[in-house]
Amino acid sequence: MIEAFEGTLRSRARDTTPVQWVGVGADAGGRLLEYIAVEHEPDGWLVFHAMPVTTKVLVEVGLRR
C-alpha cells in the first residue's frame, strides 16, 4: 500500500471535513489500488481505506469515463 500511495497516479480532494483525498496508485506488483487518506499534521498522512481499484474510483479521479 505504501508504494501505491507514494506513487499516486491521480488523486482528488473530496468535499468533506476534514478533507479526504481519494487516489489511485500501483503497488510493488503493478496492481492498481485505490485509497482514501486525510492529512494528519504534522506527521503526514493517515490512509484509512485501501483495496483493489474500482470503476467508481477510476471515474472519480478522472482515469476512466
Foldseek 3Di string as FASTA:
>chain_A
DVQFVVAWPFWDWDPDVVIKIWTWGADPVRFIKIWIWGADPPPGIDTDDMDGDDPVSCVVRVVHD
